[in-house]
C-alpha atoms as a PDB file:
ATOM      1  CA  MET A   1      36.722 -21.702   4.153  1.00  0.00           C
ATOM      2  CA  THR A   2      35.688 -20.026   7.293  1.00  0.00           C
ATOM      3  CA  LEU A   3      32.016 -21.183   8.363  1.00  0.00           C
ATOM      4  CA  ARG A   4      30.037 -19.214  10.301  1.00  0.00           C
ATOM      5  CA  THR A   5      26.295 -19.527  11.527  1.00  0.00           C
ATOM      6  CA  ALA A   6      23.989 -16.740  10.445  1.00  0.00           C
ATOM      7  CA  VAL A   7      20.210 -15.822  10.053  1.00  0.00           C
ATOM      8  CA  ILE A   8      19.326 -15.457   6.505  1.00  0.00           C
ATOM      9  CA  MET A   9      16.159 -13.864   4.881  1.00  0.00           C
ATOM     10  CA  LYS A  10      15.168 -14.143   1.124  1.00  0.00           C
ATOM     11  CA  THR A  11      12.489 -11.879  -0.141  1.00  0.00           C
ATOM     12  CA  ASP A  12      10.599 -12.166  -3.477  1.00  0.00           C
ATOM     13  CA  ILE A  13       7.766 -10.222  -5.333  1.00  0.00           C
ATOM     14  CA  SER A  14       4.928 -12.681  -6.252  1.00  0.00           C
ATOM     15  CA  ASN A  15       3.830 -12.893  -9.866  1.00  0.00           C
ATOM     16  CA  SER A  16       6.390 -10.112 -10.791  1.00  0.00           C
ATOM     17  CA  THR A  17       7.026 -11.014 -14.467  1.00  0.00           C
ATOM     18  CA  PRO A  18       3.585 -10.241 -15.800  1.00  0.00           C
ATOM     19  CA  ARG A  19       3.155  -7.034 -13.713  1.00  0.00           C
ATOM     20  CA  PHE A  20       6.419  -5.909 -14.368  1.00  0.00           C
ATOM     21  CA  ARG A  21       6.086  -6.130 -18.305  1.00  0.00           C
ATOM     22  CA  THR A  22       3.297  -3.602 -18.146  1.00  0.00           C
ATOM     23  CA  LEU A  23       5.781  -1.064 -16.870  1.00  0.00           C
ATOM     24  CA  LEU A  24       7.897   1.472 -18.510  1.00  0.00           C
ATOM     25  CA  ALA A  25      11.573   1.073 -17.847  1.00  0.00           C
ATOM     26  CA  ALA A  26      11.707   4.229 -15.699  1.00  0.00           C
ATOM     27  CA  ASP A  27       8.324   3.372 -13.759  1.00  0.00           C
ATOM     28  CA  LEU A  28      10.185  -0.210 -13.103  1.00  0.00           C
ATOM     29  CA  GLN A  29      13.391   1.288 -11.864  1.00  0.00           C
ATOM     30  CA  ALA A  30      11.502   3.441  -9.476  1.00  0.00           C
ATOM     31  CA  LEU A  31       9.413   0.608  -8.185  1.00  0.00           C
ATOM     32  CA  LEU A  32      12.332  -1.350  -7.654  1.00  0.00           C
ATOM     33  CA  GLY A  33      14.071   1.488  -5.930  1.00  0.00           C
ATOM     34  CA  GLU A  34      11.311   2.054  -3.700  1.00  0.00           C
ATOM     35  CA  HIS A  35      11.520  -1.409  -2.734  1.00  0.00           C
ATOM     36  CA  HIS A  36      14.951  -1.615  -2.109  1.00  0.00           C
ATOM     37  CA  ALA A  37      14.394   1.437   0.232  1.00  0.00           C
ATOM     38  CA  PHE A  38      11.482  -0.061   1.909  1.00  0.00           C
ATOM     39  CA  LEU A  39      13.420  -3.694   2.819  1.00  0.00           C
ATOM     40  CA  ALA A  40      16.315  -1.559   4.045  1.00  0.00           C
ATOM     41  CA  ARG A  41      14.356   0.454   6.261  1.00  0.00           C
ATOM     42  CA  HIS A  42      12.612  -2.754   8.009  1.00  0.00           C
ATOM     43  CA  ALA A  43      16.061  -4.461   8.184  1.00  0.00           C
ATOM     44  CA  ALA A  44      18.073  -1.770   9.774  1.00  0.00           C
ATOM     45  CA  ALA A  45      15.192  -1.442  12.342  1.00  0.00           C
ATOM     46  CA  ALA A  46      15.987  -4.917  13.561  1.00  0.00           C
ATOM     47  CA  GLN A  47      19.780  -4.421  12.881  1.00  0.00           C
ATOM     48  CA  GLY A  48      19.649  -6.304   9.679  1.00  0.00           C
ATOM     49  CA  ARG A  49      21.221  -5.651   6.597  1.00  0.00           C
ATOM     50  CA  ILE A  50      20.841  -6.481   2.736  1.00  0.00           C
ATOM     51  CA  ILE A  51      23.506  -8.735   1.333  1.00  0.00           C
ATOM     52  CA  LYS A  52      22.652  -8.867  -2.280  1.00  0.00           C
ATOM     53  CA  PRO A  53      19.650  -8.271  -4.864  1.00  0.00           C
ATOM     54  CA  ALA A  54      18.204 -11.101  -6.366  1.00  0.00           C
ATOM     55  CA  GLY A  55      15.908 -10.348  -9.435  1.00  0.00           C
ATOM     56  CA  ASP A  56      13.114  -8.558  -7.636  1.00  0.00           C
ATOM     57  CA  GLY A  57      13.919  -9.846  -4.454  1.00  0.00           C
ATOM     58  CA  PHE A  58      16.759  -9.499  -1.791  1.00  0.00           C
ATOM     59  CA  TRP A  59      19.156 -11.493   0.439  1.00  0.00           C
ATOM     60  CA  LEU A  60      19.387 -10.275   3.981  1.00  0.00           C
ATOM     61  CA  GLU A  61      21.033 -11.065   7.038  1.00  0.00           C
ATOM     62  CA  PHE A  62      19.712 -10.481  10.741  1.00  0.00           C
ATOM     63  CA  PRO A  63      21.624 -11.040  14.129  1.00  0.00           C
ATOM     64  CA  SER A  64      18.559 -13.451  15.366  1.00  0.00           C
ATOM     65  CA  VAL A  65      15.766 -15.379  14.050  1.00  0.00           C
ATOM     66  CA  THR A  66      13.383 -13.403  16.165  1.00  0.00           C
ATOM     67  CA  ALA A  67      14.515 -10.062  14.957  1.00  0.00           C
ATOM     68  CA  ALA A  68      14.375 -11.392  11.241  1.00  0.00           C
ATOM     69  CA  ALA A  69      10.714 -12.733  11.866  1.00  0.00           C
ATOM     70  CA  GLN A  70       9.669  -9.736  13.154  1.00  0.00           C
ATOM     71  CA  ALA A  71      10.931  -7.476  10.408  1.00  0.00           C
ATOM     72  CA  ALA A  72       9.360  -9.784   7.868  1.00  0.00           C
ATOM     73  CA  MET A  73       5.980  -9.392   9.872  1.00  0.00           C
ATOM     74  CA  ALA A  74       6.425  -5.416   9.848  1.00  0.00           C
ATOM     75  CA  MET A  75       6.942  -5.671   6.037  1.00  0.00           C
ATOM     76  CA  GLN A  76       4.342  -7.791   5.313  1.00  0.00           C
ATOM     77  CA  GLU A  77       1.863  -5.450   7.451  1.00  0.00           C
ATOM     78  CA  GLU A  78       3.207  -2.212   5.876  1.00  0.00           C
ATOM     79  CA  LEU A  79       2.434  -3.789   2.181  1.00  0.00           C
ATOM     80  CA  ARG A  80      -1.161  -4.767   3.419  1.00  0.00           C
ATOM     81  CA  LEU A  81      -1.867  -1.169   4.710  1.00  0.00           C
ATOM     82  CA  ALA A  82      -0.050   1.004   2.237  1.00  0.00           C
ATOM     83  CA  GLN A  83      -0.634  -0.283  -1.254  1.00  0.00           C
ATOM     84  CA  PRO A  84      -1.054   1.814  -4.516  1.00  0.00           C
ATOM     85  CA  ASN A  85      -4.096  -0.262  -5.266  1.00  0.00           C
ATOM     86  CA  ARG A  86      -5.753  -3.271  -4.343  1.00  0.00           C
ATOM     87  CA  GLY A  87      -6.850  -6.760  -5.748  1.00  0.00           C
ATOM     88  CA  ASP A  88      -4.828  -8.684  -8.416  1.00  0.00           C
ATOM     89  CA  ASP A  89      -2.529  -5.557  -9.239  1.00  0.00           C
ATOM     90  CA  ARG A  90      -1.412  -5.043  -5.690  1.00  0.00           C
ATOM     91  CA  LEU A  91       2.232  -5.726  -4.652  1.00  0.00           C
ATOM     92  CA  ALA A  92       2.522  -9.324  -2.489  1.00  0.00           C
ATOM     93  CA  MET A  93       5.763 -10.658  -1.250  1.00  0.00           C
ATOM     94  CA  ARG A  94       6.800 -14.010  -0.088  1.00  0.00           C
ATOM     95  CA  ILE A  95       9.469 -14.190   2.800  1.00  0.00           C
ATOM     96  CA  VAL A  96      11.676 -17.058   3.732  1.00  0.00           C
ATOM     97  CA  ILE A  97      13.945 -17.569   6.759  1.00  0.00           C
ATOM     98  CA  VAL A  98      16.631 -19.997   7.537  1.00  0.00           C
ATOM     99  CA  LEU A  99      19.345 -20.659  10.108  1.00  0.00           C
ATOM    100  CA  GLY A 100      22.522 -22.195   8.953  1.00  0.00           C
ATOM    101  CA  ASP A 101      26.228 -22.229   8.237  1.00  0.00           C
ATOM    102  CA  VAL A 102      27.261 -19.509   5.432  1.00  0.00           C
ATOM    103  CA  ALA A 103      30.884 -18.706   4.365  1.00  0.00           C
ATOM    104  CA  PRO A 104      32.209 -15.104   3.306  1.00  0.00           C
ATOM    105  CA  GLU A 105      33.077 -14.759  -0.365  1.00  0.00           C
ATOM    106  CA  GLY A 106      34.254 -10.953  -0.729  1.00  0.00           C
ATOM    107  CA  ASP A 107      31.088  -8.838   0.125  1.00  0.00           C
ATOM    108  CA  ASP A 108      28.805 -11.667  -0.698  1.00  0.00           C
ATOM    109  CA  LEU A 109      27.865 -14.841   1.518  1.00  0.00           C
ATOM    110  CA  VAL A 110      27.625 -18.507   0.180  1.00  0.00           C
ATOM    111  CA  GLY A 111      26.773 -21.746   1.539  1.00  0.00           C
ATOM    112  CA  ASP A 112      24.026 -24.413   2.409  1.00  0.00           C
ATOM    113  CA  ALA A 113      21.745 -21.939   4.226  1.00  0.00           C
ATOM    114  CA  LEU A 114      21.401 -19.966   1.057  1.00  0.00           C
ATOM    115  CA  ALA A 115      20.369 -22.857  -0.936  1.00  0.00           C
ATOM    116  CA  LEU A 116      17.891 -24.047   1.356  1.00  0.00           C
ATOM    117  CA  ALA A 117      16.052 -20.494   1.259  1.00  0.00           C
ATOM    118  CA  ALA A 118      16.024 -20.259  -2.165  1.00  0.00           C
ATOM    119  CA  ARG A 119      14.366 -24.043  -2.462  1.00  0.00           C
ATOM    120  CA  ILE A 120      11.908 -23.123   0.460  1.00  0.00           C
ATOM    121  CA  GLU A 121      10.850 -20.050  -1.253  1.00  0.00           C
ATOM    122  CA  THR A 122       9.600 -22.143  -4.547  1.00  0.00           C
ATOM    123  CA  VAL A 123       6.798 -23.312  -2.035  1.00  0.00           C
ATOM    124  CA  THR A 124       5.967 -20.368  -0.107  1.00  0.00           C
ATOM    125  CA  PRO A 125       2.811 -18.543  -1.127  1.00  0.00           C
ATOM    126  CA  PRO A 126       2.468 -14.839  -1.332  1.00  0.00           C
ATOM    127  CA  ASP A 127       2.033 -12.804   1.830  1.00  0.00           C
ATOM    128  CA  GLU A 128       3.488 -15.733   3.803  1.00  0.00           C
ATOM    129  CA  ILE A 129       6.574 -16.222   5.919  1.00  0.00           C
ATOM    130  CA  TYR A 130       8.483 -19.431   5.960  1.00  0.00           C
ATOM    131  CA  LEU A 131      10.706 -20.864   8.267  1.00  0.00           C
ATOM    132  CA  SER A 132      13.362 -23.624   8.306  1.00  0.00           C
ATOM    133  CA  ALA A 133      13.269 -26.354  10.937  1.00  0.00           C
ATOM    134  CA  ALA A 134      16.364 -24.850  12.309  1.00  0.00           C
ATOM    135  CA  ALA A 135      14.871 -21.402  12.319  1.00  0.00           C
ATOM    136  CA  ARG A 136      11.835 -22.215  14.010  1.00  0.00           C
ATOM    137  CA  LEU A 137      13.713 -23.978  16.884  1.00  0.00           C
ATOM    138  CA  ALA A 138      15.733 -20.638  17.523  1.00  0.00           C
ATOM    139  CA  VAL A 139      12.748 -18.353  17.311  1.00  0.00           C
ATOM    140  CA  ASN A 140      11.360 -16.763  20.435  1.00  0.00           C
ATOM    141  CA  GLN A 141       7.817 -18.309  20.646  1.00  0.00           C
ATOM    142  CA  ALA A 142       6.762 -15.796  23.026  1.00  0.00           C
ATOM    143  CA  GLU A 143       7.468 -13.042  20.456  1.00  0.00           C
ATOM    144  CA  VAL A 144       6.688 -14.900  17.280  1.00  0.00           C
ATOM    145  CA  ARG A 145       4.055 -17.811  16.966  1.00  0.00           C
ATOM    146  CA  THR A 146       4.735 -20.583  14.490  1.00  0.00           C
ATOM    147  CA  ALA A 147       2.724 -23.494  12.925  1.00  0.00           C
ATOM    148  CA  PRO A 148       3.956 -26.457  10.834  1.00  0.00           C
ATOM    149  CA  VAL A 149       3.174 -26.454   7.267  1.00  0.00           C
ATOM    150  CA  ASP A 150       4.371 -29.598   5.943  1.00  0.00           C
ATOM    151  CA  SER A 151       7.628 -31.597   4.764  1.00  0.00           C
ATOM    152  CA  PHE A 152       8.680 -31.158   1.098  1.00  0.00           C
ATOM    153  CA  VAL A 153      10.794 -32.798  -1.388  1.00  0.00           C
ATOM    154  CA  LEU A 154      13.140 -30.209  -2.569  1.00  0.00           C
ATOM    155  CA  LYS A 155      15.733 -30.183  -5.196  1.00  0.00           C
ATOM    156  CA  GLY A 156      19.039 -30.763  -3.770  1.00  0.00           C
ATOM    157  CA  PHE A 157      17.931 -32.224  -0.646  1.00  0.00           C
ATOM    158  CA  SER A 158      17.835 -36.097  -0.020  1.00  0.00           C
ATOM    159  CA  GLU A 159      15.421 -36.214   2.591  1.00  0.00           C
ATOM    160  CA  PRO A 160      11.896 -34.135   2.878  1.00  0.00           C
ATOM    161  CA  VAL A 161      12.444 -30.845   4.412  1.00  0.00           C
ATOM    162  CA  PRO A 162      10.165 -29.826   7.424  1.00  0.00           C
ATOM    163  CA  VAL A 163       8.870 -26.308   6.799  1.00  0.00           C
ATOM    164  CA  HIS A 164       6.971 -23.726   9.233  1.00  0.00           C
ATOM    165  CA  ARG A 165       5.184 -20.520   8.809  1.00  0.00           C
ATOM    166  CA  VAL A 166       4.933 -17.389  11.295  1.00  0.00           C
ATOM    167  CA  GLU A 167       1.535 -16.895  12.312  1.00  0.00           C
ATOM    168  CA  GLN A 168       1.071 -13.231  11.615  1.00  0.00           C
ATOM    169  CA  ARG A 169      -1.101 -11.490  14.191  1.00  0.00           C
ATOM    170  CA  HIS A 170      -3.407  -9.117  12.582  1.00  0.00           C
ATOM    171  CA  ARG A 171      -4.383  -6.184  15.010  1.00  0.00           C
ATOM    172  CA  THR A 172      -6.477  -3.320  14.326  1.00  0.00           C
ATOM    173  CA  ARG A 173      -4.292  -0.374  13.581  1.00  0.00           C
ATOM    174  CA  VAL A 174      -5.696   3.005  14.579  1.00  0.00           C
ATOM    175  CA  ILE A 175      -4.562   5.975  12.553  1.00  0.00           C
ATOM    176  CA  GLU A 176      -5.552   9.384  14.281  1.00  0.00           C
ATOM    177  CA  ASN A 177      -6.039  12.604  12.731  1.00  0.00           C
ATOM    178  CA  GLU A 178      -5.462  11.752   9.230  1.00  0.00           C
ATOM    179  CA  PHE A 179      -6.898  13.692   6.390  1.00  0.00           C
ATOM    180  CA  VAL A 180      -9.147  11.642   4.298  1.00  0.00           C
ATOM    181  CA  LEU A 181      -9.785  12.243   0.413  1.00  0.00           C
ATOM    182  CA  ILE A 182     -12.392  10.323  -1.055  1.00  0.00           C
ATOM    183  CA  THR A 183     -12.402  10.753  -5.075  1.00  0.00           C
ATOM    184  CA  ASP A 184     -15.323   9.919  -7.369  1.00  0.00           C
ATOM    185  CA  LEU A 185     -15.883   9.968 -11.175  1.00  0.00           C
ATOM    186  CA  ARG A 186     -19.612  11.490 -11.634  1.00  0.00           C
ATOM    187  CA  GLY A 187     -21.746   9.728 -13.966  1.00  0.00           C
ATOM    188  CA  PHE A 188     -19.062   6.966 -14.421  1.00  0.00           C
ATOM    189  CA  SER A 189     -21.316   4.049 -13.454  1.00  0.00           C
ATOM    190  CA  ARG A 190     -24.232   5.088 -15.730  1.00  0.00           C
ATOM    191  CA  GLY A 191     -21.861   5.940 -18.687  1.00  0.00           C
ATOM    192  CA  ALA A 192     -20.240   2.569 -18.467  1.00  0.00           C
ATOM    193  CA  GLU A 193     -23.359   0.584 -19.166  1.00  0.00           C
ATOM    194  CA  THR A 194     -23.579   2.128 -22.624  1.00  0.00           C
ATOM    195  CA  THR A 195     -19.822   2.725 -23.378  1.00  0.00           C
ATOM    196  CA  ASP A 196     -17.552   0.010 -24.851  1.00  0.00           C
ATOM    197  CA  ILE A 197     -14.973  -1.520 -22.624  1.00  0.00           C
ATOM    198  CA  ALA A 198     -11.727  -0.128 -24.317  1.00  0.00           C
ATOM    199  CA  ALA A 199     -13.259   3.278 -23.346  1.00  0.00           C
ATOM    200  CA  ILE A 200     -14.100   2.446 -19.868  1.00  0.00           C
ATOM    201  CA  GLU A 201     -10.351   0.956 -19.498  1.00  0.00           C
ATOM    202  CA  ARG A 202      -9.045   4.087 -20.826  1.00  0.00           C
ATOM    203  CA  VAL A 203     -10.808   6.145 -18.160  1.00  0.00           C
ATOM    204  CA  LEU A 204      -9.836   3.808 -15.318  1.00  0.00           C
ATOM    205  CA  ASP A 205      -6.317   3.769 -16.502  1.00  0.00           C
ATOM    206  CA  ALA A 206      -6.102   7.387 -16.747  1.00  0.00           C
ATOM    207  CA  LEU A 207      -7.418   7.661 -13.236  1.00  0.00           C
ATOM    208  CA  HIS A 208      -5.196   5.135 -11.729  1.00  0.00           C
ATOM    209  CA  GLU A 209      -1.901   6.898 -13.017  1.00  0.00           C
ATOM    210  CA  LEU A 210      -3.374  10.247 -12.092  1.00  0.00           C
ATOM    211  CA  ILE A 211      -4.273   9.106  -8.387  1.00  0.00           C
ATOM    212  CA  GLY A 212      -0.822   7.162  -7.978  1.00  0.00           C
ATOM    213  CA  GLY A 213       1.496  10.108  -9.404  1.00  0.00           C
ATOM    214  CA  VAL A 214      -0.255  12.524  -7.382  1.00  0.00           C
ATOM    215  CA  ALA A 215      -0.109  10.531  -3.878  1.00  0.00           C
ATOM    216  CA  ARG A 216       3.423   9.952  -4.618  1.00  0.00           C
ATOM    217  CA  ALA A 217       3.948  13.823  -5.041  1.00  0.00           C
ATOM    218  CA  CYS A 218       1.996  14.960  -2.161  1.00  0.00           C
ATOM    219  CA  ASP A 219       3.444  12.206   0.494  1.00  0.00           C
ATOM    220  CA  GLY A 220      -0.135  10.542   0.477  1.00  0.00           C
ATOM    221  CA  THR A 221      -0.929   7.052   0.697  1.00  0.00           C
ATOM    222  CA  VAL A 222      -3.649   5.316  -1.417  1.00  0.00           C
ATOM    223  CA  ARG A 223      -5.694   3.317   1.138  1.00  0.00           C
ATOM    224  CA  PHE A 224      -7.994   1.665  -1.294  1.00  0.00           C
ATOM    225  CA  SER A 225     -10.036   1.599  -4.432  1.00  0.00           C
ATOM    226  CA  ALA A 226     -13.676   0.607  -5.318  1.00  0.00           C
ATOM    227  CA  GLY A 227     -14.368   0.947  -8.928  1.00  0.00           C
ATOM    228  CA  ASP A 228     -13.877   4.569 -10.011  1.00  0.00           C
ATOM    229  CA  SER A 229     -13.546   5.796  -6.137  1.00  0.00           C
ATOM    230  CA  TYR A 230     -10.319   6.076  -4.176  1.00  0.00           C
ATOM    231  CA  CYS A 231      -9.450   6.700  -0.689  1.00  0.00           C
ATOM    232  CA  LEU A 232      -6.297   8.598   0.111  1.00  0.00           C
ATOM    233  CA  THR A 233      -4.881   9.778   3.199  1.00  0.00           C
ATOM    234  CA  PHE A 234      -2.298  12.429   4.391  1.00  0.00           C
ATOM    235  CA  THR A 235      -0.989  13.731   7.344  1.00  0.00           C
ATOM    236  CA  ALA A 236      -1.390  17.469   6.689  1.00  0.00           C
ATOM    237  CA  ALA A 237      -3.970  19.666   5.359  1.00  0.00           C
ATOM    238  CA  GLN A 238      -1.713  21.565   3.180  1.00  0.00           C
ATOM    239  CA  GLN A 239      -0.489  18.454   1.474  1.00  0.00           C
ATOM    240  CA  ALA A 240      -4.207  17.096   1.080  1.00  0.00           C
ATOM    241  CA  MET A 241      -5.319  20.241  -0.547  1.00  0.00           C
ATOM    242  CA  THR A 242      -2.413  20.347  -3.007  1.00  0.00           C
ATOM    243  CA  ALA A 243      -3.133  16.976  -4.079  1.00  0.00           C
ATOM    244  CA  ALA A 244      -6.893  17.694  -4.449  1.00  0.00           C
ATOM    245  CA  GLU A 245      -5.781  20.431  -6.596  1.00  0.00           C
ATOM    246  CA  GLN A 246      -3.529  18.554  -8.654  1.00  0.00           C
ATOM    247  CA  LEU A 247      -6.099  15.924  -9.186  1.00  0.00           C
ATOM    248  CA  ARG A 248      -8.673  18.429 -10.283  1.00  0.00           C
ATOM    249  CA  GLU A 249      -6.171  20.236 -12.715  1.00  0.00           C
ATOM    250  CA  GLY A 250      -4.754  16.993 -13.833  1.00  0.00           C
ATOM    251  CA  TRP A 251      -8.257  15.390 -14.518  1.00  0.00           C
ATOM    252  CA  ALA A 252      -9.381  18.103 -16.561  1.00  0.00           C
ATOM    253  CA  ALA A 253      -6.223  18.280 -18.863  1.00  0.00           C
ATOM    254  CA  ARG A 254      -6.970  14.278 -19.427  1.00  0.00           C
ATOM    255  CA  ASP A 255     -10.328  15.077 -20.206  1.00  0.00           C
ATOM    256  CA  ARG A 256      -9.634  17.838 -22.639  1.00  0.00           C
ATOM    257  CA  GLN A 257      -7.033  15.472 -24.277  1.00  0.00           C
ATOM    258  CA  GLN A 258      -9.015  12.368 -24.250  1.00  0.00           C
ATOM    259  CA  ALA A 259     -12.884  13.359 -23.937  1.00  0.00           C
ATOM    260  CA  LEU A 260     -13.414  11.054 -20.908  1.00  0.00           C
ATOM    261  CA  GLY A 261     -16.673  12.525 -20.220  1.00  0.00           C
ATOM    262  CA  CYS A 262     -16.404  12.317 -16.404  1.00  0.00           C
ATOM    263  CA  ALA A 263     -15.923  14.992 -13.723  1.00  0.00           C
ATOM    264  CA  LEU A 264     -13.827  14.310 -10.515  1.00  0.00           C
ATOM    265  CA  ASN A 265     -15.474  15.121  -7.410  1.00  0.00           C
ATOM    266  CA  MET A 266     -13.471  15.163  -4.192  1.00  0.00           C
ATOM    267  CA  ALA A 267     -14.470  15.597  -0.418  1.00  0.00           C
ATOM    268  CA  LEU A 268     -11.991  16.255   2.374  1.00  0.00           C
ATOM    269  CA  HIS A 269     -12.287  15.526   6.091  1.00  0.00           C
ATOM    270  CA  GLN A 270      -9.779  14.942   9.236  1.00  0.00           C
ATOM    271  CA  GLY A 271     -10.944  11.900  11.203  1.00  0.00           C
ATOM    272  CA  VAL A 272      -9.941   8.573  12.950  1.00  0.00           C
ATOM    273  CA  LEU A 273      -9.064   5.774  10.321  1.00  0.00           C
ATOM    274  CA  TYR A 274      -8.970   2.146  11.454  1.00  0.00           C
ATOM    275  CA  ALA A 275      -7.092  -0.672   9.726  1.00  0.00           C
ATOM    276  CA  PHE A 276      -7.442  -4.164  10.021  1.00  0.00           C
ATOM    277  CA  ARG A 277      -5.491  -6.510   7.207  1.00  0.00           C
ATOM    278  CA  SER A 278      -6.431  -4.323   3.959  1.00  0.00           C
ATOM    279  CA  TYR A 279      -9.749  -3.457   5.387  1.00  0.00           C
ATOM    280  CA  PHE A 280     -10.285   0.657   6.346  1.00  0.00           C
ATOM    281  CA  PHE A 281     -13.037   1.725   8.262  1.00  0.00           C
ATOM    282  CA  GLY A 282     -14.095   4.690  10.890  1.00  0.00           C
ATOM    283  CA  ARG A 283     -15.611   7.988  10.915  1.00  0.00           C
ATOM    284  CA  GLY A 284     -13.050   9.572   9.216  1.00  0.00           C
ATOM    285  CA  VAL A 285     -13.757   7.448   5.980  1.00  0.00           C
ATOM    286  CA  GLU A 286     -17.456   7.363   6.624  1.00  0.00           C
ATOM    287  CA  ILE A 287     -18.061  11.220   6.824  1.00  0.00           C
ATOM    288  CA  ALA A 288     -15.701  11.726   3.858  1.00  0.00           C
ATOM    289  CA  SER A 289     -17.646   9.367   1.718  1.00  0.00           C
ATOM    290  CA  GLN A 290     -21.028  10.574   2.712  1.00  0.00           C
ATOM    291  CA  LEU A 291     -19.797  14.201   1.938  1.00  0.00           C
ATOM    292  CA  GLU A 292     -18.564  13.239  -1.370  1.00  0.00           C
ATOM    293  CA  SER A 293     -21.929  11.753  -2.055  1.00  0.00           C
ATOM    294  CA  ALA A 294     -24.381  14.508  -0.701  1.00  0.00           C
ATOM    295  CA  ALA A 295     -22.232  17.224  -2.150  1.00  0.00           C
ATOM    296  CA  SER A 296     -22.649  15.887  -5.802  1.00  0.00           C
ATOM    297  CA  ALA A 297     -26.336  17.319  -5.363  1.00  0.00           C
ATOM    298  CA  LEU A 298     -24.774  20.971  -5.323  1.00  0.00           C
ATOM    299  CA  LEU A 299     -23.038  20.237  -8.979  1.00  0.00           C
ATOM    300  CA  ALA A 300     -24.438  20.829 -12.336  1.00  0.00           C
ATOM    301  CA  PRO A 301     -24.028  17.768 -14.830  1.00  0.00           C
ATOM    302  CA  GLY A 302     -20.369  17.065 -15.762  1.00  0.00           C
ATOM    303  CA  GLU A 303     -19.137  19.420 -12.964  1.00  0.00           C
ATOM    304  CA  GLY A 304     -16.809  18.354 -10.261  1.00  0.00           C
ATOM    305  CA  GLY A 305     -15.860  19.924  -6.798  1.00  0.00           C
ATOM    306  CA  ILE A 306     -13.616  19.753  -4.008  1.00  0.00           C
ATOM    307  CA  PHE A 307     -15.407  19.882  -0.617  1.00  0.00           C
ATOM    308  CA  VAL A 308     -14.061  20.041   2.890  1.00  0.00           C
ATOM    309  CA  THR A 309     -15.372  19.804   6.375  1.00  0.00           C
ATOM    310  CA  GLY A 310     -14.721  22.457   9.058  1.00  0.00           C
ATOM    311  CA  ALA A 311     -12.300  20.183  10.694  1.00  0.00           C
ATOM    312  CA  VAL A 312     -10.169  20.577   7.706  1.00  0.00           C
ATOM    313  CA  ARG A 313     -10.700  24.580   6.808  1.00  0.00           C
ATOM    314  CA  ALA A 314      -9.361  24.954  10.669  1.00  0.00           C
ATOM    315  CA  HIS A 315      -6.181  23.594   9.722  1.00  0.00           C
ATOM    316  CA  LEU A 316      -5.754  25.940   6.473  1.00  0.00           C
ATOM    317  CA  ALA A 317      -6.173  29.156   8.569  1.00  0.00           C
ATOM    318  CA  GLN A 318      -2.754  30.831   7.599  1.00  0.00           C
ATOM    319  CA  THR A 319      -2.825  29.648   4.054  1.00  0.00           C
ATOM    320  CA  ALA A 320      -4.342  30.807   0.679  1.00  0.00           C
ATOM    321  CA  TRP A 321      -6.873  28.135   0.671  1.00  0.00           C
ATOM    322  CA  HIS A 322      -8.733  29.552   3.871  1.00  0.00           C
ATOM    323  CA  ASN A 323     -10.388  32.769   1.833  1.00  0.00           C
ATOM    324  CA  ARG A 324     -11.159  30.264  -1.121  1.00  0.00           C
ATOM    325  CA  LEU A 325     -13.381  27.866   0.891  1.00  0.00           C
ATOM    326  CA  LEU A 326     -16.862  29.085   0.582  1.00  0.00           C
ATOM    327  CA  PRO A 327     -19.573  27.797   3.100  1.00  0.00           C
ATOM    328  CA  VAL A 328     -22.337  25.468   1.505  1.00  0.00           C
ATOM    329  CA  ALA A 329     -25.138  23.954   2.665  1.00  0.00           C
ATOM    330  CA  VAL A 330     -24.740  20.030   2.797  1.00  0.00           C
ATOM    331  CA  GLN A 331     -26.829  17.606   4.908  1.00  0.00           C
ATOM    332  CA  LEU A 332     -25.057  14.332   5.796  1.00  0.00           C
ATOM    333  CA  ARG A 333     -27.336  11.432   6.245  1.00  0.00           C
ATOM    334  CA  ARG A 334     -25.558   9.999   9.329  1.00  0.00           C
ATOM    335  CA  GLY A 335     -23.558  13.151  10.073  1.00  0.00           C
ATOM    336  CA  PRO A 336     -22.807  14.054  13.974  1.00  0.00           C
ATOM    337  CA  PRO A 337     -25.376  15.662  16.059  1.00  0.00           C
ATOM    338  CA  GLY A 338     -25.793  19.224  15.205  1.00  0.00           C
ATOM    339  CA  GLY A 339     -24.424  18.724  11.467  1.00  0.00           C
ATOM    340  CA  ILE A 340     -21.256  19.535  10.096  1.00  0.00           C
ATOM    341  CA  GLU A 341     -19.578  22.735   8.334  1.00  0.00           C
ATOM    342  CA  VAL A 342     -19.230  22.146   4.751  1.00  0.00           C
ATOM    343  CA  TYR A 343     -17.098  24.265   2.456  1.00  0.00           C
ATOM    344  CA  ARG A 344     -16.387  24.339  -1.430  1.00  0.00           C
ATOM    345  CA  LEU A 345     -13.180  25.609  -2.778  1.00  0.00           C
ATOM    346  CA  ALA A 346     -13.754  28.344  -5.234  1.00  0.00           C
END
């Protein structure tokens, strides 16, 4: 058996069993396919490769510990910034990196390094990146900061195994010129006080399914949700408007079928978005949120609408939406000096 030294990464989706049990087979297959593509993309960017799947996780190989650690940090950052949902339902991943001897077995690899990674994974919390002692010594400390965790008694190892963690550097990310779409169910909060829990859950489940499906279809990103409100972002105005109309039509169809009793209101603005860990803030979000709230005063009970700012309309000059956007008078509580132009989609 020919041995060689390799840098091995093991990934695992945290708490996946109860989460996956709630998914249809087609949805689960799609989720795992997207996750495979996500890992393959980050691995390739660091000259790494996927070796084989392992349940909902994967084994990967990299040319150096530093490259593996940087890829792992990029994976964790993207998961924090681009999640279909937050809270307990979000996708979280644990990552282990080890350095050790492996041997080829067909297209596979075997050896003590893989056994060590599998054991360290059992003590790795969600969202963390753990390193074996050898991997920690090999990593470039100027590029990747590490800290000791503890020594663990692991099955198959005669002595306690020292483990280290990557100290991930959380920096504020500036996302410029995004089209920020805020959605809200009008009257949901008041109705929730007098409606039974089962009915409330049906409404929230229907909204969650619709938002996620439209975001995927229109290449959007669900940045966060708060109760019955969602924040989505898009890189192009056309994508954002297509998503808004699909949401309006999709929600109306669900309301006709299930008598949900809440209208969907939306506001769209182009601006800067700041992301720190899983927090999103900035004028782009602030103006879109204010617009959605202020525009509600123009609507009749049970009515929803799609409202956009002048910055958005300017990007739709050569589209069919341009002439359907009619000016309306909306005063934002903390709008820019001189006010802001607001239009409603007819």
